[in-house]
Amino acid sequence: MKTKSKKIEFKSLELEVVNTNGEQVERVNLDKNVFDGEINPDLMHQAVVTYLANKRRGLACAKTRGEVRGGGRKPWRQKGTGRSRAGSNRSPIWRGGGVTFGPRPHSFNKDFPKKMKLLALKSSLNVKLHEEKIIVLNELMAESHKTKDFTKIINNLKLGKDKTRFILMSIDKNIKLGSRNLEKVLLCRADDINTIDVLNCKKLIMTKEALKVVEERVKKCL
């Protein structure tokens, strides 16, 4: 299916690089091939729908009349009782009977080409840059595993109470433990980031190294 995309222009492809104290330390130039302003809403929608569908386990199951326990004997004789004929008390029209056309275990998996997946990721990154919701860190190091120490970093970056996703090269143990009690803070590796991760947050925090990895991933589909 052919999808429509739109083109937007950015004010600048240069972002500030800050440290965990919120101080600017340098500036970084974004790859113009990745952050080209091309946004494809249809492709992003397909990526999100596919991701959510593939997470479904499809284990819902209702028993048919052949699987429900009981119902072996005919409830009453065929004629002469004045009642409607019945062959089993486990018929779908009886209480405790089987279910007609109920859910059965099956796979919800959808195929989604890798190139389309990366193009959808590129579109989502362009959306976040257009909204000016991307912050680049020089590095993210936690002194301890305590939540209050990680909260200081959140306050220094003036992130407030918005849902924030940190994209890192690897997730350090102290960072994982320090952020797990913060409901609005999410962690993700640069190798695993996808469209729904980018869209499902208010602000996107990326380390300088993680940014380069994400750009290299996206450029494979160009």
N, C-alpha and C. Protein backbone atom coordinates (compact mmCIF):
# COMPACT_ATOMS: atom_id res chain seq x y z
N MET A 1 0.84 -1.19 0.00
CA MET A 1 0.00 0.00 0.00
C MET A 1 0.88 1.25 0.00
N LYS A 2 0.59 2.16 -0.88
CA LYS A 2 1.37 3.39 -0.98
C LYS A 2 0.96 4.34 0.13
N THR A 3 1.94 4.90 0.82
CA THR A 3 1.66 5.81 1.93
C THR A 3 2.11 7.22 1.56
N LYS A 4 1.42 8.19 2.14
CA LYS A 4 1.75 9.58 1.87
C LYS A 4 2.63 10.13 2.98
N SER A 5 3.61 10.91 2.60
CA SER A 5 4.49 11.53 3.58
C SER A 5 4.49 13.04 3.36
N LYS A 6 4.91 13.75 4.39
CA LYS A 6 4.99 15.20 4.29
C LYS A 6 6.38 15.65 4.70
N LYS A 7 6.74 16.80 4.21
CA LYS A 7 8.09 17.33 4.43
C LYS A 7 7.99 18.57 5.31
N ILE A 8 8.81 18.62 6.35
CA ILE A 8 8.87 19.82 7.19
C ILE A 8 10.32 20.30 7.23
N GLU A 9 10.48 21.56 7.57
CA GLU A 9 11.82 22.15 7.63
C GLU A 9 12.17 22.45 9.08
N PHE A 10 13.41 22.14 9.44
CA PHE A 10 13.89 22.41 10.79
C PHE A 10 14.63 23.73 10.82
N LYS A 11 14.58 24.39 11.97
CA LYS A 11 15.31 25.64 12.12
C LYS A 11 16.81 25.40 12.06
N SER A 12 17.22 24.30 12.67
CA SER A 12 18.65 23.97 12.69
C SER A 12 18.82 22.48 12.93
N LEU A 13 19.90 21.93 12.38
CA LEU A 13 20.24 20.53 12.62
C LEU A 13 21.38 20.43 13.62
N GLU A 14 21.54 21.47 14.39
CA GLU A 14 22.58 21.50 15.42
C GLU A 14 21.92 21.58 16.79
N LEU A 15 22.29 20.65 17.67
CA LEU A 15 21.72 20.61 19.01
C LEU A 15 22.79 20.81 20.07
N GLU A 16 22.36 21.35 21.20
CA GLU A 16 23.26 21.49 22.33
C GLU A 16 23.50 20.13 22.97
N VAL A 17 24.72 19.91 23.44
CA VAL A 17 25.04 18.71 24.22
C VAL A 17 25.27 19.18 25.65
N VAL A 18 24.47 18.63 26.57
CA VAL A 18 24.55 19.05 27.97
C VAL A 18 25.04 17.91 28.84
N ASN A 19 25.51 18.27 30.03
CA ASN A 19 25.89 17.24 31.00
C ASN A 19 24.75 17.02 31.98
N THR A 20 24.96 16.16 32.96
CA THR A 20 23.89 15.82 33.90
C THR A 20 23.56 16.98 34.84
N ASN A 21 24.35 18.04 34.80
CA ASN A 21 24.03 19.24 35.59
C ASN A 21 23.22 20.25 34.78
N GLY A 22 22.95 19.89 33.54
CA GLY A 22 22.18 20.78 32.68
C GLY A 22 22.99 21.86 32.02
N GLU A 23 24.32 21.75 32.07
CA GLU A 23 25.21 22.77 31.49
C GLU A 23 25.64 22.35 30.09
N GLN A 24 25.66 23.31 29.18
CA GLN A 24 26.09 23.01 27.81
C GLN A 24 27.59 22.80 27.78
N VAL A 25 28.01 21.72 27.13
CA VAL A 25 29.44 21.41 27.03
C VAL A 25 29.94 21.49 25.60
N GLU A 26 29.05 21.27 24.63
CA GLU A 26 29.42 21.35 23.21
C GLU A 26 28.15 21.36 22.37
N ARG A 27 28.32 21.28 21.07
CA ARG A 27 27.19 21.18 20.15
C ARG A 27 27.44 20.03 19.19
N VAL A 28 26.36 19.42 18.72
CA VAL A 28 26.49 18.29 17.83
C VAL A 28 25.62 18.52 16.60
N ASN A 29 26.15 18.12 15.44
CA ASN A 29 25.40 18.23 14.19
C ASN A 29 24.68 16.92 13.90
N LEU A 30 23.38 16.99 13.66
CA LEU A 30 22.60 15.81 13.33
C LEU A 30 22.82 15.42 11.88
N ASP A 31 22.71 14.15 11.60
CA ASP A 31 22.89 13.65 10.23
C ASP A 31 21.71 14.11 9.38
N LYS A 32 22.00 14.86 8.32
CA LYS A 32 20.94 15.43 7.48
C LYS A 32 20.20 14.35 6.68
N ASN A 33 20.81 13.18 6.52
CA ASN A 33 20.14 12.09 5.81
C ASN A 33 19.08 11.42 6.68
N VAL A 34 19.29 11.46 7.99
CA VAL A 34 18.33 10.87 8.93
C VAL A 34 17.28 11.90 9.31
N PHE A 35 17.73 13.07 9.73
CA PHE A 35 16.83 14.15 10.12
C PHE A 35 16.59 15.05 8.91
N ASP A 36 15.84 14.50 7.96
CA ASP A 36 15.60 15.21 6.70
C ASP A 36 14.22 15.87 6.64
N GLY A 37 13.46 15.77 7.74
CA GLY A 37 12.15 16.40 7.78
C GLY A 37 11.05 15.59 7.14
N GLU A 38 11.36 14.36 6.71
CA GLU A 38 10.36 13.51 6.07
C GLU A 38 9.55 12.77 7.14
N ILE A 39 8.24 13.02 7.17
CA ILE A 39 7.36 12.38 8.15
C ILE A 39 6.27 11.61 7.42
N ASN A 40 6.15 10.35 7.75
CA ASN A 40 5.15 9.48 7.11
C ASN A 40 4.20 8.93 8.19
N PRO A 41 3.07 9.59 8.44
CA PRO A 41 2.14 9.15 9.49
C PRO A 41 1.61 7.73 9.27
N ASP A 42 1.31 7.38 8.02
CA ASP A 42 0.77 6.05 7.73
C ASP A 42 1.77 4.95 8.09
N LEU A 43 3.02 5.20 7.78
CA LEU A 43 4.06 4.21 8.06
C LEU A 43 4.27 4.06 9.56
N MET A 44 4.23 5.17 10.29
CA MET A 44 4.37 5.11 11.75
C MET A 44 3.19 4.35 12.36
N HIS A 45 2.00 4.57 11.81
CA HIS A 45 0.82 3.85 12.30
C HIS A 45 0.96 2.35 12.08
N GLN A 46 1.43 1.97 10.91
CA GLN A 46 1.64 0.54 10.64
C GLN A 46 2.66 -0.06 11.60
N ALA A 47 3.72 0.69 11.88
CA ALA A 47 4.77 0.19 12.78
C ALA A 47 4.22 -0.02 14.19
N VAL A 48 3.41 0.92 14.67
CA VAL A 48 2.84 0.81 16.01
C VAL A 48 1.85 -0.36 16.09
N VAL A 49 0.97 -0.47 15.09
CA VAL A 49 -0.02 -1.55 15.07
C VAL A 49 0.68 -2.91 15.02
N THR A 50 1.73 -3.03 14.20
CA THR A 50 2.46 -4.28 14.09
C THR A 50 3.15 -4.64 15.40
N TYR A 51 3.77 -3.65 16.03
CA TYR A 51 4.47 -3.89 17.30
C TYR A 51 3.49 -4.38 18.37
N LEU A 52 2.34 -3.70 18.49
CA LEU A 52 1.37 -4.09 19.52
C LEU A 52 0.75 -5.45 19.21
N ALA A 53 0.51 -5.73 17.93
CA ALA A 53 -0.06 -7.03 17.55
C ALA A 53 0.91 -8.16 17.86
N ASN A 54 2.20 -7.94 17.60
CA ASN A 54 3.19 -8.97 17.84
C ASN A 54 3.45 -9.23 19.32
N LYS A 55 3.02 -8.30 20.17
CA LYS A 55 3.16 -8.51 21.61
C LYS A 55 2.04 -9.39 22.16
N ARG A 56 0.95 -9.53 21.40
CA ARG A 56 -0.18 -10.33 21.88
C ARG A 56 0.18 -11.82 21.84
N ARG A 57 -0.19 -12.53 22.89
CA ARG A 57 0.14 -13.96 22.97
C ARG A 57 -0.94 -14.83 22.34
N GLY A 58 -2.16 -14.31 22.25
CA GLY A 58 -3.23 -15.06 21.59
C GLY A 58 -3.59 -16.35 22.31
N LEU A 59 -3.70 -16.32 23.65
CA LEU A 59 -3.97 -17.53 24.42
C LEU A 59 -5.42 -17.67 24.84
N ALA A 60 -6.27 -16.69 24.52
CA ALA A 60 -7.68 -16.77 24.90
C ALA A 60 -8.31 -18.01 24.29
N CYS A 61 -9.07 -18.77 25.11
CA CYS A 61 -9.64 -20.02 24.62
C CYS A 61 -10.95 -20.32 25.34
N ALA A 62 -12.01 -20.58 24.58
CA ALA A 62 -13.29 -20.99 25.15
C ALA A 62 -13.57 -22.43 24.71
N LYS A 63 -14.15 -23.22 25.59
CA LYS A 63 -14.40 -24.62 25.28
C LYS A 63 -15.64 -24.78 24.40
N THR A 64 -15.54 -25.65 23.45
CA THR A 64 -16.69 -25.99 22.61
C THR A 64 -17.52 -27.06 23.32
N ARG A 65 -18.64 -27.44 22.74
CA ARG A 65 -19.50 -28.45 23.37
C ARG A 65 -18.81 -29.80 23.46
N GLY A 66 -17.83 -30.02 22.61
CA GLY A 66 -17.10 -31.28 22.65
C GLY A 66 -16.02 -31.30 23.71
N GLU A 67 -15.70 -30.14 24.29
CA GLU A 67 -14.63 -30.07 25.29
C GLU A 67 -15.15 -29.87 26.70
N VAL A 68 -16.42 -29.43 26.84
CA VAL A 68 -16.99 -29.20 28.16
C VAL A 68 -17.27 -30.55 28.84
N ARG A 69 -17.00 -30.61 30.13
CA ARG A 69 -17.20 -31.86 30.86
C ARG A 69 -18.70 -32.16 31.01
N GLY A 70 -19.07 -33.43 30.86
CA GLY A 70 -20.45 -33.86 31.03
C GLY A 70 -21.21 -33.92 29.72
N GLY A 71 -22.53 -34.11 29.84
CA GLY A 71 -23.38 -34.09 28.65
C GLY A 71 -23.42 -35.38 27.88
N GLY A 72 -23.00 -36.47 28.50
CA GLY A 72 -22.99 -37.73 27.77
C GLY A 72 -24.37 -38.37 27.63
N ARG A 73 -25.23 -38.14 28.62
CA ARG A 73 -26.55 -38.78 28.60
C ARG A 73 -27.60 -37.82 28.04
N LYS A 74 -28.53 -38.35 27.31
CA LYS A 74 -29.64 -37.55 26.79
C LYS A 74 -30.51 -37.11 27.98
N PRO A 75 -30.78 -35.80 28.12
CA PRO A 75 -31.49 -35.30 29.30
C PRO A 75 -32.85 -35.94 29.51
N TRP A 76 -33.62 -36.12 28.50
CA TRP A 76 -34.92 -36.80 28.57
C TRP A 76 -35.23 -37.44 27.22
N ARG A 77 -36.24 -38.28 27.24
CA ARG A 77 -36.56 -39.00 26.01
C ARG A 77 -37.03 -38.05 24.92
N GLN A 78 -36.91 -38.50 23.71
CA GLN A 78 -37.15 -37.65 22.55
C GLN A 78 -38.60 -37.16 22.47
N LYS A 79 -39.56 -38.04 22.76
CA LYS A 79 -40.98 -37.68 22.56
C LYS A 79 -41.78 -37.96 23.83
N GLY A 80 -42.90 -37.28 23.90
CA GLY A 80 -43.86 -37.60 24.94
C GLY A 80 -43.76 -36.77 26.20
N THR A 81 -42.77 -35.93 26.34
CA THR A 81 -42.63 -35.13 27.57
C THR A 81 -43.27 -33.76 27.44
N GLY A 82 -43.53 -33.30 26.23
CA GLY A 82 -44.07 -31.96 26.02
C GLY A 82 -42.99 -30.89 25.95
N ARG A 83 -41.77 -31.31 26.22
CA ARG A 83 -40.65 -30.36 26.14
C ARG A 83 -39.93 -30.48 24.80
N SER A 84 -39.16 -29.45 24.48
CA SER A 84 -38.41 -29.50 23.22
C SER A 84 -37.35 -30.58 23.32
N ARG A 85 -37.06 -31.20 22.20
CA ARG A 85 -36.09 -32.28 22.18
C ARG A 85 -34.69 -31.77 22.52
N ALA A 86 -33.91 -32.54 23.24
CA ALA A 86 -32.55 -32.18 23.64
C ALA A 86 -31.69 -33.43 23.65
N GLY A 87 -30.50 -33.30 23.11
CA GLY A 87 -29.61 -34.46 23.05
C GLY A 87 -28.48 -34.39 24.06
N SER A 88 -28.24 -33.17 24.61
CA SER A 88 -27.13 -33.01 25.56
C SER A 88 -27.38 -31.78 26.42
N ASN A 89 -27.01 -31.88 27.68
CA ASN A 89 -27.13 -30.70 28.55
C ASN A 89 -25.88 -29.80 28.47
N ARG A 90 -25.02 -30.10 27.50
CA ARG A 90 -23.86 -29.25 27.27
C ARG A 90 -23.95 -28.55 25.91
N SER A 91 -25.16 -28.45 25.40
CA SER A 91 -25.42 -27.70 24.18
C SER A 91 -25.13 -26.21 24.43
N PRO A 92 -24.68 -25.45 23.43
CA PRO A 92 -24.39 -24.03 23.62
C PRO A 92 -25.58 -23.21 24.12
N ILE A 93 -26.81 -23.71 23.94
CA ILE A 93 -27.98 -22.94 24.41
C ILE A 93 -28.33 -23.27 25.86
N TRP A 94 -27.59 -24.19 26.46
CA TRP A 94 -27.82 -24.55 27.87
C TRP A 94 -26.81 -23.84 28.76
N ARG A 95 -27.24 -23.58 29.99
CA ARG A 95 -26.32 -23.04 30.99
C ARG A 95 -25.24 -24.07 31.29
N GLY A 96 -23.99 -23.65 31.25
CA GLY A 96 -22.88 -24.57 31.47
C GLY A 96 -22.47 -25.32 30.23
N GLY A 97 -23.10 -24.97 29.10
CA GLY A 97 -22.76 -25.64 27.86
C GLY A 97 -21.53 -25.05 27.18
N GLY A 98 -21.19 -25.58 26.04
CA GLY A 98 -20.04 -25.08 25.29
C GLY A 98 -20.32 -23.71 24.67
N VAL A 99 -19.28 -23.10 24.12
CA VAL A 99 -19.38 -21.77 23.51
C VAL A 99 -19.32 -21.92 21.99
N THR A 100 -20.23 -21.24 21.32
CA THR A 100 -20.24 -21.26 19.86
C THR A 100 -19.39 -20.11 19.32
N PHE A 101 -18.47 -20.42 18.46
CA PHE A 101 -17.59 -19.41 17.85
C PHE A 101 -16.83 -18.57 18.89
N GLY A 102 -16.42 -19.22 19.97
CA GLY A 102 -15.64 -18.52 20.99
C GLY A 102 -14.20 -18.35 20.56
N PRO A 103 -13.40 -17.61 21.34
CA PRO A 103 -11.99 -17.39 20.99
C PRO A 103 -11.18 -18.68 21.08
N ARG A 104 -10.23 -18.83 20.16
CA ARG A 104 -9.35 -20.00 20.15
C ARG A 104 -7.92 -19.49 20.06
N PRO A 105 -6.96 -20.21 20.64
CA PRO A 105 -5.56 -19.76 20.56
C PRO A 105 -5.10 -19.62 19.11
N HIS A 106 -4.53 -18.47 18.81
CA HIS A 106 -3.97 -18.27 17.47
C HIS A 106 -2.98 -17.11 17.52
N SER A 107 -2.19 -17.01 16.49
CA SER A 107 -1.14 -15.98 16.43
C SER A 107 -1.68 -14.69 15.81
N PHE A 108 -1.29 -13.57 16.42
CA PHE A 108 -1.65 -12.25 15.90
C PHE A 108 -0.47 -11.61 15.15
N ASN A 109 0.60 -12.36 14.96
CA ASN A 109 1.81 -11.80 14.37
C ASN A 109 1.57 -11.21 12.99
N LYS A 110 2.20 -10.06 12.77
CA LYS A 110 2.16 -9.39 11.47
C LYS A 110 3.58 -9.24 10.95
N ASP A 111 3.75 -9.36 9.65
CA ASP A 111 5.05 -9.14 9.04
C ASP A 111 5.23 -7.66 8.75
N PHE A 112 6.43 -7.17 8.98
CA PHE A 112 6.73 -5.76 8.70
C PHE A 112 8.18 -5.69 8.23
N PRO A 113 8.40 -5.35 6.96
CA PRO A 113 9.77 -5.33 6.43
C PRO A 113 10.71 -4.44 7.24
N LYS A 114 11.95 -4.85 7.34
CA LYS A 114 12.93 -4.11 8.13
C LYS A 114 13.11 -2.69 7.62
N LYS A 115 13.10 -2.53 6.29
CA LYS A 115 13.28 -1.19 5.73
C LYS A 115 12.14 -0.27 6.13
N MET A 116 10.91 -0.78 6.10
CA MET A 116 9.76 0.03 6.51
C MET A 116 9.84 0.35 8.00
N LYS A 117 10.31 -0.59 8.78
CA LYS A 117 10.44 -0.39 10.22
C LYS A 117 11.42 0.76 10.53
N LEU A 118 12.54 0.77 9.82
CA LEU A 118 13.54 1.82 10.04
C LEU A 118 13.08 3.17 9.49
N LEU A 119 12.33 3.15 8.39
CA LEU A 119 11.79 4.40 7.85
C LEU A 119 10.75 4.99 8.81
N ALA A 120 9.98 4.12 9.47
CA ALA A 120 9.01 4.59 10.47
C ALA A 120 9.75 5.18 11.67
N LEU A 121 10.86 4.56 12.06
CA LEU A 121 11.68 5.09 13.15
C LEU A 121 12.23 6.46 12.78
N LYS A 122 12.68 6.61 11.53
CA LYS A 122 13.20 7.89 11.06
C LYS A 122 12.11 8.97 11.13
N SER A 123 10.90 8.63 10.72
CA SER A 123 9.79 9.58 10.78
C SER A 123 9.51 10.02 12.21
N SER A 124 9.53 9.05 13.15
CA SER A 124 9.25 9.38 14.54
C SER A 124 10.32 10.29 15.14
N LEU A 125 11.58 10.08 14.74
CA LEU A 125 12.66 10.95 15.21
C LEU A 125 12.49 12.36 14.65
N ASN A 126 12.06 12.46 13.40
CA ASN A 126 11.80 13.78 12.82
C ASN A 126 10.66 14.49 13.53
N VAL A 127 9.66 13.73 13.95
CA VAL A 127 8.55 14.34 14.71
C VAL A 127 9.06 14.93 16.02
N LYS A 128 9.88 14.17 16.73
CA LYS A 128 10.39 14.64 18.01
C LYS A 128 11.31 15.85 17.84
N LEU A 129 12.11 15.87 16.77
CA LEU A 129 12.98 17.02 16.53
C LEU A 129 12.15 18.25 16.18
N HIS A 130 11.10 18.05 15.39
CA HIS A 130 10.22 19.16 15.03
C HIS A 130 9.54 19.75 16.26
N GLU A 131 9.20 18.89 17.22
CA GLU A 131 8.57 19.35 18.46
C GLU A 131 9.59 19.88 19.47
N GLU A 132 10.87 19.81 19.10
CA GLU A 132 11.97 20.25 19.97
C GLU A 132 11.96 19.51 21.30
N LYS A 133 11.79 18.19 21.21
CA LYS A 133 11.71 17.36 22.41
C LYS A 133 12.91 16.43 22.56
N ILE A 134 13.98 16.67 21.78
CA ILE A 134 15.18 15.84 21.87
C ILE A 134 16.26 16.57 22.65
N ILE A 135 16.81 15.91 23.63
CA ILE A 135 17.93 16.45 24.42
C ILE A 135 19.11 15.48 24.30
N VAL A 136 20.28 16.01 24.03
CA VAL A 136 21.47 15.18 23.88
C VAL A 136 22.38 15.37 25.10
N LEU A 137 22.75 14.25 25.72
CA LEU A 137 23.67 14.26 26.87
C LEU A 137 25.06 13.83 26.42
N ASN A 138 26.07 14.39 27.05
CA ASN A 138 27.42 13.92 26.73
C ASN A 138 27.63 12.51 27.27
N GLU A 139 27.09 12.22 28.45
CA GLU A 139 27.09 10.88 29.02
C GLU A 139 26.13 10.85 30.20
N LEU A 140 25.72 9.66 30.58
CA LEU A 140 24.83 9.52 31.73
C LEU A 140 25.46 8.53 32.70
N MET A 141 25.92 9.08 33.81
CA MET A 141 26.55 8.26 34.83
C MET A 141 25.84 8.52 36.16
N ALA A 142 25.49 7.46 36.88
CA ALA A 142 24.85 7.60 38.18
C ALA A 142 25.86 7.26 39.27
N GLU A 143 25.97 8.14 40.26
CA GLU A 143 26.94 7.93 41.34
C GLU A 143 26.55 6.74 42.21
N SER A 144 25.26 6.53 42.38
CA SER A 144 24.80 5.43 43.22
C SER A 144 23.49 4.89 42.66
N HIS A 145 22.96 3.89 43.33
CA HIS A 145 21.71 3.29 42.90
C HIS A 145 20.49 3.96 43.53
N LYS A 146 20.69 5.02 44.26
CA LYS A 146 19.60 5.66 44.99
C LYS A 146 18.73 6.51 44.05
N THR A 147 17.43 6.45 44.30
CA THR A 147 16.48 7.19 43.47
C THR A 147 16.70 8.70 43.59
N LYS A 148 17.06 9.17 44.77
CA LYS A 148 17.21 10.62 44.97
C LYS A 148 18.36 11.18 44.12
N ASP A 149 19.39 10.36 43.86
CA ASP A 149 20.50 10.81 43.03
C ASP A 149 20.06 10.93 41.57
N PHE A 150 19.23 9.98 41.12
CA PHE A 150 18.74 10.06 39.74
C PHE A 150 17.73 11.20 39.61
N THR A 151 16.99 11.45 40.68
CA THR A 151 16.02 12.55 40.65
C THR A 151 16.73 13.89 40.48
N LYS A 152 17.95 14.01 41.03
CA LYS A 152 18.73 15.24 40.86
C LYS A 152 19.03 15.49 39.38
N ILE A 153 19.35 14.41 38.67
CA ILE A 153 19.62 14.55 37.24
C ILE A 153 18.36 15.02 36.50
N ILE A 154 17.22 14.45 36.87
CA ILE A 154 15.94 14.85 36.27
C ILE A 154 15.68 16.34 36.50
N ASN A 155 15.93 16.78 37.72
CA ASN A 155 15.71 18.19 38.07
C ASN A 155 16.70 19.10 37.36
N ASN A 156 17.96 18.67 37.25
CA ASN A 156 18.97 19.49 36.57
C ASN A 156 18.65 19.68 35.09
N LEU A 157 18.05 18.65 34.49
CA LEU A 157 17.69 18.74 33.07
C LEU A 157 16.33 19.40 32.86
N LYS A 158 15.66 19.75 33.97
CA LYS A 158 14.35 20.44 33.93
C LYS A 158 13.33 19.64 33.12
N LEU A 159 13.25 18.36 33.44
CA LEU A 159 12.33 17.49 32.72
C LEU A 159 10.93 17.50 33.32
N GLY A 160 10.82 17.98 34.55
CA GLY A 160 9.51 18.05 35.19
C GLY A 160 8.91 16.66 35.39
N LYS A 161 7.59 16.56 35.22
CA LYS A 161 6.88 15.30 35.42
C LYS A 161 6.46 14.66 34.10
N ASP A 162 7.04 15.12 33.00
CA ASP A 162 6.72 14.55 31.70
C ASP A 162 7.29 13.16 31.57
N LYS A 163 6.62 12.31 30.80
CA LYS A 163 7.15 10.98 30.51
C LYS A 163 8.40 11.13 29.66
N THR A 164 9.51 10.61 30.16
CA THR A 164 10.81 10.80 29.51
C THR A 164 11.45 9.46 29.23
N ARG A 165 12.01 9.32 28.03
CA ARG A 165 12.70 8.08 27.67
C ARG A 165 14.18 8.37 27.45
N PHE A 166 15.02 7.63 28.17
CA PHE A 166 16.47 7.75 28.02
C PHE A 166 16.96 6.66 27.07
N ILE A 167 17.65 7.07 26.02
CA ILE A 167 18.23 6.11 25.07
C ILE A 167 19.73 6.05 25.32
N LEU A 168 20.20 4.87 25.72
CA LEU A 168 21.59 4.71 26.14
C LEU A 168 22.26 3.61 25.33
N MET A 169 23.58 3.63 25.36
CA MET A 169 24.33 2.55 24.72
C MET A 169 24.13 1.25 25.47
N SER A 170 24.22 1.32 26.79
CA SER A 170 23.95 0.17 27.65
C SER A 170 23.36 0.72 28.95
N ILE A 171 22.57 -0.11 29.61
CA ILE A 171 21.89 0.34 30.82
C ILE A 171 22.69 -0.09 32.04
N ASP A 172 23.30 0.88 32.69
CA ASP A 172 24.11 0.63 33.87
C ASP A 172 23.23 0.17 35.03
N LYS A 173 23.77 -0.66 35.89
CA LYS A 173 23.00 -1.19 37.02
C LYS A 173 22.50 -0.07 37.93
N ASN A 174 23.36 0.92 38.23
CA ASN A 174 22.95 2.02 39.10
C ASN A 174 21.82 2.84 38.47
N ILE A 175 21.91 3.04 37.15
CA ILE A 175 20.87 3.80 36.46
C ILE A 175 19.55 3.03 36.49
N LYS A 176 19.63 1.73 36.28
CA LYS A 176 18.42 0.90 36.29
C LYS A 176 17.76 0.91 37.66
N LEU A 177 18.55 0.74 38.71
CA LEU A 177 18.00 0.71 40.06
C LEU A 177 17.52 2.10 40.51
N GLY A 178 18.26 3.13 40.12
CA GLY A 178 17.91 4.48 40.54
C GLY A 178 16.65 5.02 39.87
N SER A 179 16.32 4.50 38.70
CA SER A 179 15.17 5.04 37.96
C SER A 179 13.92 4.16 38.03
N ARG A 180 14.02 2.98 38.58
CA ARG A 180 12.90 2.04 38.50
C ARG A 180 11.69 2.48 39.33
N ASN A 181 11.90 3.34 40.34
CA ASN A 181 10.78 3.84 41.13
C ASN A 181 10.18 5.12 40.56
N LEU A 182 10.76 5.62 39.47
CA LEU A 182 10.24 6.83 38.84
C LEU A 182 9.33 6.41 37.69
N GLU A 183 8.03 6.60 37.88
CA GLU A 183 7.04 6.08 36.94
C GLU A 183 7.18 6.68 35.55
N LYS A 184 7.58 7.94 35.47
CA LYS A 184 7.62 8.63 34.19
C LYS A 184 8.97 8.51 33.48
N VAL A 185 9.89 7.75 34.04
CA VAL A 185 11.21 7.59 33.44
C VAL A 185 11.34 6.20 32.84
N LEU A 186 11.70 6.14 31.55
CA LEU A 186 11.83 4.88 30.83
C LEU A 186 13.24 4.77 30.26
N LEU A 187 13.77 3.57 30.24
CA LEU A 187 15.12 3.34 29.72
C LEU A 187 15.06 2.43 28.50
N CYS A 188 15.96 2.67 27.56
CA CYS A 188 16.00 1.86 26.34
C CYS A 188 17.40 1.89 25.75
N ARG A 189 17.83 0.76 25.20
CA ARG A 189 19.12 0.69 24.52
C ARG A 189 18.99 1.21 23.09
N ALA A 190 20.06 1.82 22.60
CA ALA A 190 20.05 2.40 21.25
C ALA A 190 19.82 1.33 20.18
N ASP A 191 20.26 0.09 20.46
CA ASP A 191 20.08 -0.99 19.49
C ASP A 191 18.64 -1.50 19.44
N ASP A 192 17.84 -1.16 20.48
CA ASP A 192 16.49 -1.71 20.57
C ASP A 192 15.40 -0.68 20.32
N ILE A 193 15.75 0.58 20.18
CA ILE A 193 14.75 1.64 20.06
C ILE A 193 13.88 1.43 18.82
N ASN A 194 12.58 1.67 18.97
CA ASN A 194 11.68 1.53 17.84
C ASN A 194 10.70 2.70 17.81
N THR A 195 9.79 2.69 16.84
CA THR A 195 8.88 3.82 16.62
C THR A 195 8.02 4.12 17.83
N ILE A 196 7.41 3.09 18.43
CA ILE A 196 6.51 3.31 19.54
C ILE A 196 7.26 3.84 20.77
N ASP A 197 8.52 3.45 20.94
CA ASP A 197 9.32 3.97 22.05
C ASP A 197 9.53 5.47 21.90
N VAL A 198 9.78 5.91 20.67
CA VAL A 198 10.02 7.33 20.42
C VAL A 198 8.75 8.15 20.59
N LEU A 199 7.64 7.63 20.08
CA LEU A 199 6.38 8.38 20.11
C LEU A 199 5.73 8.37 21.48
N ASN A 200 5.94 7.30 22.24
CA ASN A 200 5.27 7.14 23.53
C ASN A 200 6.05 7.79 24.66
N CYS A 201 6.42 9.03 24.47
CA CYS A 201 7.08 9.82 25.53
C CYS A 201 7.01 11.29 25.14
N LYS A 202 7.11 12.13 26.14
CA LYS A 202 7.07 13.58 25.88
C LYS A 202 8.44 14.10 25.48
N LYS A 203 9.49 13.56 26.13
CA LYS A 203 10.85 14.02 25.85
C LYS A 203 11.75 12.82 25.62
N LEU A 204 12.70 13.01 24.71
CA LEU A 204 13.62 11.96 24.32
C LEU A 204 15.04 12.40 24.68
N ILE A 205 15.65 11.67 25.61
CA ILE A 205 17.00 12.00 26.06
C ILE A 205 17.96 10.96 25.48
N MET A 206 18.94 11.42 24.71
CA MET A 206 19.87 10.51 24.08
C MET A 206 21.31 10.91 24.42
N THR A 207 22.11 9.92 24.76
CA THR A 207 23.53 10.23 24.93
C THR A 207 24.14 10.44 23.53
N LYS A 208 25.26 11.10 23.50
CA LYS A 208 25.91 11.41 22.22
C LYS A 208 26.25 10.14 21.46
N GLU A 209 26.74 9.12 22.18
CA GLU A 209 27.09 7.85 21.54
C GLU A 209 25.85 7.14 21.03
N ALA A 210 24.77 7.15 21.82
CA ALA A 210 23.54 6.48 21.41
C ALA A 210 22.94 7.14 20.17
N LEU A 211 23.06 8.45 20.09
CA LEU A 211 22.55 9.17 18.92
C LEU A 211 23.24 8.69 17.65
N LYS A 212 24.54 8.50 17.70
CA LYS A 212 25.28 8.04 16.52
C LYS A 212 24.86 6.62 16.13
N VAL A 213 24.62 5.77 17.14
CA VAL A 213 24.20 4.39 16.85
C VAL A 213 22.83 4.38 16.18
N VAL A 214 21.90 5.20 16.68
CA VAL A 214 20.56 5.26 16.10
C VAL A 214 20.64 5.78 14.66
N GLU A 215 21.48 6.80 14.43
CA GLU A 215 21.62 7.35 13.07
C GLU A 215 22.18 6.28 12.13
N GLU A 216 23.15 5.50 12.59
CA GLU A 216 23.72 4.46 11.74
C GLU A 216 22.68 3.37 11.44
N ARG A 217 21.84 3.04 12.42
CA ARG A 217 20.79 2.05 12.19
C ARG A 217 19.83 2.53 11.09
N VAL A 218 19.41 3.79 11.18
CA VAL A 218 18.45 4.31 10.23
C VAL A 218 19.04 4.42 8.83
N LYS A 219 20.33 4.77 8.75
CA LYS A 219 20.95 4.96 7.43
C LYS A 219 21.08 3.66 6.65
N LYS A 220 20.90 2.51 7.32
CA LYS A 220 20.97 1.23 6.62
C LYS A 220 19.81 1.06 5.64
N CYS A 221 18.70 1.78 5.89
CA CYS A 221 17.53 1.64 5.01
C CYS A 221 17.48 2.69 3.93
N LEU A 222 18.43 3.60 3.92
CA LEU A 222 18.40 4.70 2.94
C LEU A 222 19.14 4.31 1.65
